[in-house]
């Protein structure tokens, strides 16, 4: 294992050494040096079994393998000699979430006691052998807003039982807890994916159930189909569950996860936590006028979350990926592994013979409706279809132009005004021009329909002005927030000519609806501006994508 760690570090250092001058020391990323996609076909291969994925990598039937977390798999790939490994700290967070809307998890003291019997350091050590770090906070350690863990509750079964006893809880003769009002506790079912999909999630659910039983809570892990699990969580039909999030660079993600207004069907406040003090702190965070105020509000909100404990943080995973070493164009930084959009755009076979890209997805796609989709697997595909106005600099984590070539933030009558200027000659994948009207329509549609997945980002829009001649859109915000630029600029853009014909956005299945491109080619309604266009899907096998030759970075293959 020590040999693997050394090999992985050498791989990362070699990748960093091969970056353009200045890339690793904070210089901004320059998109002008990129063109693509180089390859015309992309297959997202659905392979649930990791052993099958490893075999596919070794035989050339899989080119990119993401989300590797078992030490034995990392060691196996490193020893195979067919793949280059890359690793980076990530915004990943894994939690056990309680449904605080119902007994017994509406009891704060019980949630606090549960947090005291989580031996996260031992769990992470035993399950991940150093490839993850214990998480006792509500933001991952890589976040500059992560609160130092100064208020972590004391670990230990006896301490947890004393906390409950002091709060008036008792135990019956069988050793099960009885609430202060005399109610006996029902069995807590901890939903988790099956071990064939996420082995460590199942193990953590089992460990969590054991820990809860140690303080008298009847509890069992309940592995179920992943899609079924997500559907139950969406409609609040659960006691507790495991879940993992790839969190954003901004701490106001806490607003989405824990503000009471976000407790809606399909919303991100899965725990249903509702606390006036927390709501106030999260409101201050969301509408912080500057960085100083944001840091203060973020700290306050995290301290309140320690007290309320709607979820139990468990670990933050390092991002580890493997890419077959017979490809050129791999993009890696100290903050980004090779499985990223820039790699996908730039990669080409070293032997010069064009062939499809085979990229692994470890679970069936739930839905490719961008308005309701929430899983990382869905957005692996959707992220190649849809673009945003601004993107994140992979070196500095700052803002960089994408569909917008520039932007300006100015004070407005009631709040702030954000103006974006689009790049010239942008086109949709169906060949029709992309205009500022498309973006204005997307924002207004999401606000008017209160689309849960995105409404939090647009609810503070007061009005929108689109100037097609100047390629400029002005978004008037009803208030001021340090995060408005990211919320609006990071919104996906949908084509007005498709969206305005959707009869029911919740039930929309764009891949099942045919659509004619400008040249008469038949596509589906899954049309964006991204580097790849949806072609077809075969359940349980793959999703086939083809190169978008209208992509703003595609140069017709001149620089291959």
Protein backbone atom coordinates (compact mmCIF):
# COMPACT_ATOMS: atom_id res chain seq x y z
CA UNK A 1 0.00 0.00 0.00
CA UNK A 2 2.84 2.41 0.78
CA UNK A 3 4.21 1.72 -2.71
CA UNK A 4 0.85 2.70 -4.18
CA UNK A 5 0.72 5.97 -2.26
CA UNK A 6 4.20 6.84 -3.47
CA UNK A 7 3.26 5.91 -7.05
CA UNK A 8 0.13 8.03 -6.88
CA UNK A 9 2.05 11.03 -5.56
CA UNK A 10 4.61 10.66 -8.33
CA UNK A 11 1.80 10.50 -10.90
CA UNK A 12 0.24 13.69 -9.56
CA UNK A 13 3.57 15.49 -9.39
CA UNK A 14 4.37 14.45 -12.96
CA UNK A 15 1.02 15.74 -14.13
CA UNK A 16 1.59 19.06 -12.40
CA UNK A 17 5.07 19.32 -13.88
CA UNK A 18 3.62 18.88 -17.37
CA UNK A 19 1.15 21.75 -17.02
CA UNK A 20 1.73 25.03 -18.85
CA UNK A 21 4.03 27.47 -17.10
CA UNK A 22 2.27 29.21 -14.27
CA UNK A 23 -0.63 26.76 -14.21
CA UNK A 24 0.07 25.39 -10.76
CA UNK A 25 0.90 28.67 -9.04
CA UNK A 26 -2.41 30.48 -9.34
CA UNK A 27 -2.31 31.96 -12.86
CA UNK A 28 -5.72 32.17 -14.53
CA UNK A 29 -6.78 29.54 -17.03
CA UNK A 30 -6.73 30.55 -20.71
CA UNK A 31 -9.47 28.86 -22.73
CA UNK A 32 -8.05 30.16 -26.01
CA UNK A 33 -5.60 27.26 -26.11
CA UNK A 34 -8.36 24.66 -26.25
CA UNK A 35 -10.39 23.31 -29.14
CA UNK A 36 -12.55 20.27 -29.49
CA UNK A 37 -14.08 17.83 -29.01
CA UNK A 38 -11.44 15.85 -30.86
CA UNK A 39 -13.48 12.64 -30.93
CA UNK A 40 -16.83 12.23 -32.67
CA UNK A 41 -18.37 9.60 -30.37
CA UNK A 42 -18.67 9.30 -26.61
CA UNK A 43 -20.18 6.33 -24.81
CA UNK A 44 -21.11 6.54 -21.15
CA UNK A 45 -20.85 2.89 -20.23
CA UNK A 46 -23.04 1.74 -17.34
CA UNK A 47 -20.97 -0.69 -15.29
CA UNK A 48 -22.18 -1.20 -11.74
CA UNK A 49 -19.60 -3.81 -10.76
CA UNK A 50 -16.15 -2.40 -10.01
CA UNK A 51 -14.39 -5.65 -10.91
CA UNK A 52 -16.04 -5.50 -14.34
CA UNK A 53 -14.88 -1.89 -14.69
CA UNK A 54 -11.30 -2.85 -13.84
CA UNK A 55 -11.39 -5.62 -16.43
CA UNK A 56 -12.81 -3.22 -19.02
CA UNK A 57 -9.99 -0.76 -18.31
CA UNK A 58 -7.33 -3.43 -18.73
CA UNK A 59 -8.78 -4.63 -22.06
CA UNK A 60 -9.34 -1.17 -23.56
CA UNK A 61 -13.16 -1.32 -23.37
CA UNK A 62 -13.17 1.57 -20.91
CA UNK A 63 -11.02 4.70 -21.11
CA UNK A 64 -11.99 6.77 -18.06
CA UNK A 65 -12.97 5.48 -14.63
CA UNK A 66 -14.11 8.02 -12.04
CA UNK A 67 -15.12 7.99 -8.41
CA UNK A 68 -12.66 5.30 -7.35
CA UNK A 69 -12.74 4.87 -3.59
CA UNK A 70 -11.75 1.31 -2.63
CA UNK A 71 -8.01 1.16 -1.89
CA UNK A 72 -7.72 -2.29 -3.47
CA UNK A 73 -9.10 -0.92 -6.75
CA UNK A 74 -6.69 2.01 -6.79
CA UNK A 75 -3.79 -0.32 -6.10
CA UNK A 76 -4.94 -2.73 -8.81
CA UNK A 77 -5.16 0.01 -11.44
CA UNK A 78 -1.79 1.41 -10.48
CA UNK A 79 -0.18 -2.03 -10.76
CA UNK A 80 -1.83 -2.76 -14.12
CA UNK A 81 0.31 -0.23 -15.98
CA UNK A 82 -2.53 0.59 -18.41
CA UNK A 83 -3.84 3.68 -16.64
CA UNK A 84 -2.56 6.95 -15.23
CA UNK A 85 -4.00 7.86 -11.84
CA UNK A 86 -4.86 11.33 -10.61
CA UNK A 87 -6.09 12.54 -7.22
CA UNK A 88 -7.24 15.81 -5.69
CA UNK A 89 -9.05 17.12 -2.67
CA UNK A 90 -12.71 17.62 -3.47
CA UNK A 91 -15.90 19.26 -2.27
CA UNK A 92 -17.37 15.83 -1.57
CA UNK A 93 -19.23 15.25 1.66
CA UNK A 94 -20.86 12.04 2.91
CA UNK A 95 -23.61 12.29 5.52
CA UNK A 96 -26.19 10.29 7.41
CA UNK A 97 -29.39 12.32 7.20
CA UNK A 98 -32.28 12.14 9.68
CA UNK A 99 -35.88 12.90 8.80
CA UNK A 100 -36.49 15.59 11.42
CA UNK A 101 -40.15 15.95 10.40
CA UNK A 102 -41.27 12.97 12.46
CA UNK A 103 -40.62 11.12 15.71
CA UNK A 104 -38.09 10.20 16.96
CA UNK A 105 -35.69 12.25 14.83
CA UNK A 106 -37.57 15.45 15.53
CA UNK A 107 -35.89 15.25 18.96
CA UNK A 108 -32.71 17.35 19.00
CA UNK A 109 -31.18 15.54 21.99
CA UNK A 110 -31.47 12.21 20.20
CA UNK A 111 -29.73 13.57 17.11
CA UNK A 112 -26.96 14.99 19.29
CA UNK A 113 -26.53 11.68 21.07
CA UNK A 114 -26.43 9.85 17.74
CA UNK A 115 -23.60 12.08 16.62
CA UNK A 116 -21.62 11.11 19.73
CA UNK A 117 -21.54 7.42 18.85
CA UNK A 118 -20.16 7.90 15.35
CA UNK A 119 -16.53 6.81 15.40
CA UNK A 120 -15.82 8.44 12.05
CA UNK A 121 -12.05 8.26 12.41
CA UNK A 122 -12.12 4.48 12.83
CA UNK A 123 -14.76 4.01 10.13
CA UNK A 124 -12.79 6.03 7.61
CA UNK A 125 -9.53 4.33 8.53
CA UNK A 126 -11.01 0.84 8.22
CA UNK A 127 -13.03 1.44 5.07
CA UNK A 128 -10.78 3.72 3.05
CA UNK A 129 -7.21 3.16 4.28
CA UNK A 130 -6.30 6.83 4.03
CA UNK A 131 -8.08 7.78 0.79
CA UNK A 132 -10.67 9.87 2.62
CA UNK A 133 -10.59 12.20 5.59
CA UNK A 134 -13.02 12.17 8.50
CA UNK A 135 -15.58 14.94 8.25
CA UNK A 136 -16.95 16.48 11.44
CA UNK A 137 -18.15 19.64 9.73
CA UNK A 138 -20.89 20.65 7.33
CA UNK A 139 -18.51 21.89 4.64
CA UNK A 140 -15.57 19.82 3.35
CA UNK A 141 -12.05 20.71 4.52
CA UNK A 142 -11.07 21.99 1.06
CA UNK A 143 -13.59 24.82 1.41
CA UNK A 144 -12.01 28.06 2.64
CA UNK A 145 -15.23 28.60 4.62
CA UNK A 146 -15.07 25.32 6.53
CA UNK A 147 -15.42 26.07 10.24
CA UNK A 148 -12.59 24.68 12.43
CA UNK A 149 -13.97 21.77 14.39
CA UNK A 150 -13.90 23.48 17.78
CA UNK A 151 -17.37 22.46 18.89
CA UNK A 152 -17.33 18.75 18.04
CA UNK A 153 -19.31 16.75 20.59
CA UNK A 154 -17.40 14.32 22.80
CA UNK A 155 -17.31 10.84 21.27
CA UNK A 156 -18.43 7.88 23.37
CA UNK A 157 -21.40 5.67 24.14
CA UNK A 158 -21.47 6.53 27.84
CA UNK A 159 -21.34 10.26 27.13
CA UNK A 160 -24.21 9.88 24.66
CA UNK A 161 -26.32 7.90 27.11
CA UNK A 162 -25.69 10.48 29.83
CA UNK A 163 -26.79 13.25 27.46
CA UNK A 164 -30.06 11.41 26.90
CA UNK A 165 -30.54 10.63 30.59
CA UNK A 166 -30.01 14.28 31.50
CA UNK A 167 -32.69 15.22 28.95
CA UNK A 168 -35.24 12.85 30.55
CA UNK A 169 -34.88 9.80 28.32
CA UNK A 170 -35.11 6.33 29.90
CA UNK A 171 -34.63 2.71 28.83
CA UNK A 172 -37.02 -0.22 29.11
CA UNK A 173 -36.04 -3.68 30.37
CA UNK A 174 -34.98 -4.72 26.90
CA UNK A 175 -32.58 -1.77 26.72
CA UNK A 176 -34.54 0.28 24.19
CA UNK A 177 -35.00 4.03 24.61
CA UNK A 178 -38.19 5.64 25.83
CA UNK A 179 -38.76 9.34 25.09
CA UNK A 180 -39.40 11.80 27.94
CA UNK A 181 -43.11 11.78 27.04
CA UNK A 182 -43.28 7.98 27.36
CA UNK A 183 -43.26 7.09 23.67
CA UNK A 184 -41.32 4.01 22.58
CA UNK A 185 -39.10 4.33 19.54
CA UNK A 186 -40.03 2.60 16.27
CA UNK A 187 -37.26 0.90 14.32
CA UNK A 188 -35.22 3.40 12.31
CA UNK A 189 -34.60 2.15 8.78
CA UNK A 190 -31.43 3.68 7.35
CA UNK A 191 -31.85 3.74 3.59
CA UNK A 192 -28.70 3.13 1.56
CA UNK A 193 -27.78 1.88 -1.92
CA UNK A 194 -27.08 -1.86 -2.24
CA UNK A 195 -23.49 -2.98 -1.78
CA UNK A 196 -23.24 -3.82 -5.48
CA UNK A 197 -23.66 -0.09 -6.21
CA UNK A 198 -21.92 1.56 -3.23
CA UNK A 199 -20.34 -0.96 -0.90
CA UNK A 200 -18.99 1.58 1.57
CA UNK A 201 -22.36 3.34 1.83
CA UNK A 202 -23.95 0.05 2.81
CA UNK A 203 -21.21 -0.59 5.35
CA UNK A 204 -21.59 2.86 6.88
CA UNK A 205 -25.36 2.40 7.14
CA UNK A 206 -24.70 -0.89 8.94
CA UNK A 207 -22.16 0.74 11.28
CA UNK A 208 -24.58 3.59 11.93
CA UNK A 209 -27.33 1.13 12.85
CA UNK A 210 -24.96 -0.64 15.26
CA UNK A 211 -23.98 2.68 16.81
CA UNK A 212 -27.62 3.68 17.30
CA UNK A 213 -28.44 0.34 18.91
CA UNK A 214 -25.60 0.94 21.38
CA UNK A 215 -27.61 3.80 22.89
CA UNK A 216 -30.95 2.00 22.71
CA UNK A 217 -32.31 3.07 19.32
CA UNK A 218 -33.74 0.14 17.34
CA UNK A 219 -32.13 0.57 13.93
CA UNK A 220 -31.37 -1.42 10.80
CA UNK A 221 -29.61 -0.68 7.53
CA UNK A 222 -31.98 -1.03 4.59
CA UNK A 223 -30.22 -1.34 1.22
CA UNK A 224 -32.64 -0.62 -1.62
CA UNK A 225 -32.45 0.18 -5.31
CA UNK A 226 -30.72 3.53 -5.69
CA UNK A 227 -33.43 5.11 -7.83
CA UNK A 228 -36.13 3.92 -5.44
CA UNK A 229 -34.16 5.37 -2.56
CA UNK A 230 -33.94 8.78 -4.23
CA UNK A 231 -37.65 8.77 -5.00
CA UNK A 232 -38.49 8.01 -1.35
CA UNK A 233 -36.20 10.78 -0.12
CA UNK A 234 -37.77 13.26 -2.54
CA UNK A 235 -41.23 12.67 -1.02
CA UNK A 236 -39.87 12.52 2.58
CA UNK A 237 -40.71 8.82 2.99
CA UNK A 238 -37.76 7.74 5.11
CA UNK A 239 -36.43 7.61 8.68
CA UNK A 240 -32.74 8.12 7.92
CA UNK A 241 -30.54 7.69 4.89
CA UNK A 242 -26.98 7.88 3.66
CA UNK A 243 -26.19 10.42 1.01
CA UNK A 244 -23.21 12.06 -0.60
CA UNK A 245 -22.96 15.49 -2.15
CA UNK A 246 -20.50 17.15 -4.43
CA UNK A 247 -20.82 20.55 -2.81
CA UNK A 248 -20.11 23.88 -4.45
CA UNK A 249 -17.24 26.26 -3.85
CA UNK A 250 -19.63 28.72 -2.16
CA UNK A 251 -20.75 28.20 1.46
CA UNK A 252 -24.27 29.40 0.70
CA UNK A 253 -24.90 25.82 -0.38
CA UNK A 254 -25.78 25.48 3.31
CA UNK A 255 -28.85 27.62 2.60
CA UNK A 256 -30.05 25.10 0.02
CA UNK A 257 -29.48 22.16 2.34
CA UNK A 258 -30.80 23.52 5.63
CA UNK A 259 -33.07 26.56 5.20
CA UNK A 260 -36.69 25.67 5.96
CA UNK A 261 -37.90 27.24 2.70
CA UNK A 262 -35.99 24.55 0.81
CA UNK A 263 -38.01 21.76 2.39
CA UNK A 264 -40.14 21.08 -0.68
CA UNK A 265 -40.65 17.95 -2.75
CA UNK A 266 -37.44 17.39 -4.68
CA UNK A 267 -35.68 20.14 -2.71
CA UNK A 268 -32.26 19.80 -1.14
CA UNK A 269 -33.35 20.21 2.49
CA UNK A 270 -33.81 16.47 2.79
CA UNK A 271 -33.66 16.44 6.59
CA UNK A 272 -36.57 18.90 6.83
CA UNK A 273 -34.78 20.87 9.53
CA UNK A 274 -36.66 24.02 10.52
CA UNK A 275 -35.21 26.38 13.10
CA UNK A 276 -35.77 30.15 13.27
CA UNK A 277 -32.23 30.89 14.44
CA UNK A 278 -30.70 28.76 11.70
CA UNK A 279 -32.97 30.30 9.08
CA UNK A 280 -31.83 33.75 10.15
CA UNK A 281 -28.13 32.79 10.01
CA UNK A 282 -28.57 31.15 6.61
CA UNK A 283 -30.46 34.19 5.34
CA UNK A 284 -27.54 36.38 6.47
CA UNK A 285 -25.18 34.03 4.64
CA UNK A 286 -27.20 34.01 1.44
CA UNK A 287 -27.50 37.80 1.36
CA UNK A 288 -24.08 38.70 2.68
CA UNK A 289 -22.97 41.89 0.88
CA UNK A 290 -19.25 41.08 0.98
CA UNK A 291 -16.74 38.37 1.87
CA UNK A 292 -16.29 39.48 5.47
CA UNK A 293 -20.01 39.28 6.17
CA UNK A 294 -20.16 35.94 4.34
CA UNK A 295 -17.45 34.44 6.52
CA UNK A 296 -19.13 35.62 9.71
CA UNK A 297 -22.55 34.30 8.69
CA UNK A 298 -21.08 31.01 7.45
CA UNK A 299 -19.33 30.46 10.78
CA UNK A 300 -22.50 31.23 12.74
CA UNK A 301 -24.62 28.89 10.60
CA UNK A 302 -22.17 26.01 10.98
CA UNK A 303 -22.09 26.39 14.76
CA UNK A 304 -25.88 26.23 14.84
CA UNK A 305 -25.79 23.11 12.68
CA UNK A 306 -23.44 21.52 15.23
CA UNK A 307 -26.12 22.12 17.81
CA UNK A 308 -29.10 21.02 15.71
CA UNK A 309 -27.33 18.10 13.97
CA UNK A 310 -29.92 17.41 11.23
CA UNK A 311 -27.28 15.29 9.51
CA UNK A 312 -24.15 13.57 10.75
CA UNK A 313 -21.06 14.36 8.66
CA UNK A 314 -18.98 11.21 8.12
CA UNK A 315 -16.20 11.75 5.59
CA UNK A 316 -14.92 13.76 2.65
CA UNK A 317 -13.51 11.73 -0.19
CA UNK A 318 -10.48 12.53 -2.26
CA UNK A 319 -11.35 12.52 -5.93
CA UNK A 320 -9.41 9.69 -7.61
CA UNK A 321 -9.74 8.79 -11.26
CA UNK A 322 -7.98 6.59 -13.78
CA UNK A 323 -7.46 7.21 -17.48
CA UNK A 324 -5.92 4.81 -19.94
CA UNK A 325 -2.47 5.99 -20.86
CA UNK A 326 -2.96 5.58 -24.61
CA UNK A 327 -4.69 8.99 -24.78
CA UNK A 328 -3.26 12.49 -25.21
CA UNK A 329 -4.92 15.70 -24.06
CA UNK A 330 -5.37 14.85 -20.39
CA UNK A 331 -5.98 17.89 -18.19
CA UNK A 332 -4.95 17.61 -14.53
CA UNK A 333 -4.26 20.17 -11.82
CA UNK A 334 -3.68 19.97 -8.09
CA UNK A 335 -7.43 20.68 -7.71
CA UNK A 336 -8.82 18.63 -10.57
CA UNK A 337 -8.52 14.98 -11.55
CA UNK A 338 -8.44 13.86 -15.18
CA UNK A 339 -12.17 13.10 -15.42
CA UNK A 340 -13.21 16.64 -16.31
CA UNK A 341 -14.76 18.54 -19.20
CA UNK A 342 -11.46 19.94 -20.47
CA UNK A 343 -10.04 16.44 -20.76
CA UNK A 344 -13.17 15.30 -22.56
CA UNK A 345 -12.84 18.15 -25.05
CA UNK A 346 -9.10 17.66 -25.63
CA UNK A 347 -8.50 13.91 -25.46
CA UNK A 348 -7.34 12.07 -28.58
CA UNK A 349 -5.66 8.65 -29.08
CA UNK A 350 -1.88 8.75 -29.05
CA UNK A 351 -1.74 6.58 -32.17
CA UNK A 352 -3.79 9.15 -34.11
CA UNK A 353 -6.50 6.68 -35.11
CA UNK A 354 -9.92 8.14 -34.17
CA UNK A 355 -12.09 5.95 -32.00
CA UNK A 356 -14.93 6.40 -29.50
CA UNK A 357 -14.36 7.48 -25.90
CA UNK A 358 -15.68 5.02 -23.30
CA UNK A 359 -16.42 6.73 -19.98
CA UNK A 360 -17.74 4.79 -17.00
CA UNK A 361 -20.96 5.51 -15.08
CA UNK A 362 -21.49 3.18 -12.10
CA UNK A 363 -25.29 3.45 -11.96
CA UNK A 364 -28.30 3.63 -14.26
CA UNK A 365 -29.33 7.14 -15.27
CA UNK A 366 -32.40 8.25 -13.33
CA UNK A 367 -33.67 10.90 -15.74
CA UNK A 368 -32.24 13.21 -18.38
CA UNK A 369 -34.82 15.90 -17.69
CA UNK A 370 -32.49 18.75 -16.64
CA UNK A 371 -35.29 20.46 -14.69
CA UNK A 372 -35.74 17.61 -12.21
CA UNK A 373 -32.52 15.61 -12.38
CA UNK A 374 -30.39 15.65 -9.23
CA UNK A 375 -27.93 12.75 -9.24
CA UNK A 376 -24.25 13.09 -10.08
CA UNK A 377 -24.64 10.31 -12.64
CA UNK A 378 -27.41 12.14 -14.50
CA UNK A 379 -25.35 15.31 -14.54
CA UNK A 380 -22.27 13.49 -15.81
CA UNK A 381 -24.28 13.19 -19.03
CA UNK A 382 -26.22 16.46 -18.81
CA UNK A 383 -22.99 18.36 -18.09
CA UNK A 384 -21.82 17.59 -21.63
CA UNK A 385 -25.13 18.83 -23.09
CA UNK A 386 -25.75 22.10 -21.24
CA UNK A 387 -23.51 25.10 -20.62
CA UNK A 388 -23.52 28.10 -18.29
CA UNK A 389 -22.56 31.75 -18.77
CA UNK A 390 -19.55 31.56 -16.47
CA UNK A 391 -17.41 28.67 -15.32
CA UNK A 392 -14.86 27.93 -12.60
CA UNK A 393 -11.15 28.45 -13.23
CA UNK A 394 -9.58 25.01 -12.63
CA UNK A 395 -6.40 26.56 -11.23
CA UNK A 396 -7.71 29.29 -8.95
CA UNK A 397 -11.39 28.33 -8.40
CA UNK A 398 -12.20 31.88 -9.49
CA UNK A 399 -14.69 32.94 -12.16
CA UNK A 400 -13.92 32.61 -15.85
CA UNK A 401 -15.87 33.38 -19.05
CA UNK A 402 -17.76 30.58 -20.76
CA UNK A 403 -20.85 31.35 -22.87
CA UNK A 404 -20.54 34.93 -21.62
CA UNK A 405 -17.41 36.73 -22.72
CA UNK A 406 -17.76 39.36 -19.98
CA UNK A 407 -19.98 40.58 -17.15
CA UNK A 408 -20.46 43.63 -14.95
CA UNK A 409 -22.05 43.97 -11.50
CA UNK A 410 -23.56 47.36 -10.64
CA UNK A 411 -25.79 48.75 -7.90
CA UNK A 412 -29.46 48.89 -8.78
CA UNK A 413 -32.50 50.72 -7.45
CA UNK A 414 -33.37 47.93 -5.00
CA UNK A 415 -30.37 45.62 -5.13
CA UNK A 416 -27.77 44.82 -7.76
CA UNK A 417 -27.76 44.50 -11.55
CA UNK A 418 -25.68 41.83 -13.28
CA UNK A 419 -25.05 42.33 -16.99
CA UNK A 420 -23.69 39.52 -19.18
CA UNK A 421 -22.46 39.85 -22.75
CA UNK A 422 -22.62 36.62 -24.77
CA UNK A 423 -19.91 35.43 -27.10
CA UNK A 424 -20.76 36.10 -30.75
CA UNK A 425 -22.17 33.43 -33.07
CA UNK A 426 -23.19 30.92 -30.41
CA UNK A 427 -25.41 28.10 -31.64
CA UNK A 428 -27.56 25.39 -30.14
CA UNK A 429 -26.78 21.79 -30.97
CA UNK A 430 -29.65 21.88 -33.49
CA UNK A 431 -27.92 24.68 -35.41
CA UNK A 432 -30.25 27.49 -34.36
CA UNK A 433 -28.67 30.67 -32.96
CA UNK A 434 -28.43 31.05 -29.19
CA UNK A 435 -29.55 34.51 -28.12
CA UNK A 436 -29.97 36.42 -24.89
CA UNK A 437 -33.71 35.70 -25.23
CA UNK A 438 -32.99 32.03 -24.55
CA UNK A 439 -31.27 32.85 -21.29
CA UNK A 440 -33.95 35.33 -20.26
CA UNK A 441 -36.64 32.75 -21.00
CA UNK A 442 -34.80 30.06 -18.99
CA UNK A 443 -34.51 32.28 -15.92
CA UNK A 444 -38.14 33.41 -16.11
CA UNK A 445 -39.43 29.88 -16.71
CA UNK A 446 -37.61 28.52 -13.66
CA UNK A 447 -38.80 31.39 -11.48
CA UNK A 448 -42.41 31.28 -12.67
CA UNK A 449 -42.64 27.51 -12.22
CA UNK A 450 -40.63 27.48 -8.99
CA UNK A 451 -38.56 24.56 -10.26
CA UNK A 452 -37.15 23.13 -6.99
CA UNK A 453 -33.72 22.18 -8.33
CA UNK A 454 -32.98 25.75 -9.44
CA UNK A 455 -35.53 28.05 -7.84
CA UNK A 456 -33.19 29.00 -5.01
CA UNK A 457 -30.84 30.61 -7.56
CA UNK A 458 -33.48 32.70 -9.34
CA UNK A 459 -36.09 33.57 -6.69
CA UNK A 460 -34.49 36.98 -6.00
CA UNK A 461 -34.69 38.14 -9.62
CA UNK A 462 -36.78 41.29 -9.91
CA UNK A 463 -36.77 41.69 -13.67
CA UNK A 464 -34.76 40.81 -16.80
CA UNK A 465 -33.84 42.86 -19.85
CA UNK A 466 -32.47 41.25 -23.01
CA UNK A 467 -30.77 43.28 -25.75
CA UNK A 468 -30.31 41.00 -28.76
CA UNK A 469 -28.40 43.58 -30.79
CA UNK A 470 -25.73 44.02 -28.13
CA UNK A 471 -25.88 40.32 -27.08
CA UNK A 472 -26.44 41.58 -23.53
CA UNK A 473 -28.77 40.44 -20.78
CA UNK A 474 -29.31 42.50 -17.63
CA UNK A 475 -30.63 40.73 -14.54
CA UNK A 476 -32.08 43.04 -11.90
CA UNK A 477 -31.89 41.51 -8.44
CA UNK A 478 -34.34 42.51 -5.69
CA UNK A 479 -31.49 42.60 -3.17
CA UNK A 480 -27.73 42.35 -2.81
CA UNK A 481 -25.75 39.16 -2.30
CA UNK A 482 -22.13 38.17 -2.62
CA UNK A 483 -23.36 35.00 -4.40
CA UNK A 484 -25.76 36.39 -7.01
CA UNK A 485 -23.15 36.29 -9.77
CA UNK A 486 -22.50 32.58 -9.24
CA UNK A 487 -26.18 31.70 -8.88
CA UNK A 488 -27.19 33.47 -12.09
CA UNK A 489 -24.02 32.97 -14.11
CA UNK A 490 -23.89 29.31 -13.12
CA UNK A 491 -27.43 28.58 -14.33
CA UNK A 492 -27.78 26.21 -17.29
CA UNK A 493 -29.20 27.75 -20.45
CA UNK A 494 -32.11 25.98 -22.19
CA UNK A 495 -33.40 26.71 -25.72
CA UNK A 496 -36.55 28.82 -25.71
CA UNK A 497 -37.82 27.20 -28.90
CA UNK A 498 -37.97 23.85 -27.11
CA UNK A 499 -38.79 24.87 -23.55
CA UNK A 500 -41.82 26.97 -24.55
CA UNK A 501 -43.44 23.87 -26.08
CA UNK A 502 -42.99 21.60 -23.04
CA UNK A 503 -46.51 20.91 -21.67
CA UNK A 504 -45.42 19.57 -18.27
CA UNK A 505 -41.86 20.28 -17.16
CA UNK A 506 -42.02 17.72 -14.33
CA UNK A 507 -42.96 14.87 -16.66
CA UNK A 508 -40.83 16.03 -19.59
CA UNK A 509 -38.68 13.27 -21.05
CA UNK A 510 -36.62 15.14 -23.66
CA UNK A 511 -34.84 12.04 -24.96
CA UNK A 512 -38.21 10.52 -25.91
CA UNK A 513 -39.34 13.55 -27.96
CA UNK A 514 -38.05 13.99 -31.50
CA UNK A 515 -36.91 17.38 -32.72
CA UNK A 516 -35.76 18.63 -36.12
CA UNK A 517 -32.45 20.45 -36.37
CA UNK A 518 -32.00 23.47 -38.64
CA UNK A 519 -30.53 21.24 -41.36
CA UNK A 520 -33.37 18.72 -41.13
CA UNK A 521 -31.45 16.22 -39.04
CA UNK A 522 -33.64 14.47 -36.48
CA UNK A 523 -32.49 14.95 -32.87
CA UNK A 524 -34.28 14.68 -29.56
CA UNK A 525 -35.41 17.60 -27.39
CA UNK A 526 -32.30 17.18 -25.23
CA UNK A 527 -30.63 20.11 -26.96
CA UNK A 528 -28.02 22.34 -25.37
CA UNK A 529 -24.81 24.11 -26.34
CA UNK A 530 -22.33 21.65 -24.80
CA UNK A 531 -19.62 19.62 -26.55
CA UNK A 532 -21.69 16.47 -27.06
CA UNK A 533 -25.22 15.82 -28.30
CA UNK A 534 -27.45 13.00 -27.09
CA UNK A 535 -27.83 10.19 -29.63
CA UNK A 536 -29.40 7.17 -27.93
CA UNK A 537 -29.53 5.19 -24.72
CA UNK A 538 -29.75 1.49 -24.01
CA UNK A 539 -30.95 0.75 -20.51
CA UNK A 540 -28.32 -1.01 -18.46
CA UNK A 541 -25.70 -0.68 -21.21
CA UNK A 542 -24.73 2.82 -22.36
CA UNK A 543 -25.64 6.36 -23.36
CA UNK A 544 -24.30 7.28 -26.78
CA UNK A 545 -23.31 10.91 -27.42
CA UNK A 546 -21.98 12.46 -30.62
CA UNK A 547 -19.80 15.50 -31.15
CA UNK A 548 -21.56 18.87 -31.31
CA UNK A 549 -20.00 20.47 -34.36
CA UNK A 550 -21.69 23.76 -33.43
CA UNK A 551 -19.80 23.88 -30.13
CA UNK A 552 -18.12 27.23 -29.56
CA UNK A 553 -14.71 25.58 -29.02
CA UNK A 554 -14.90 23.23 -31.99
CA UNK A 555 -12.73 24.26 -34.94
CA UNK A 556 -13.67 21.55 -37.40
CA UNK A 557 -10.81 19.31 -36.32
CA UNK A 558 -8.11 21.63 -37.63
CA UNK A 559 -5.95 21.34 -34.52
CA UNK A 560 -6.28 17.61 -33.92
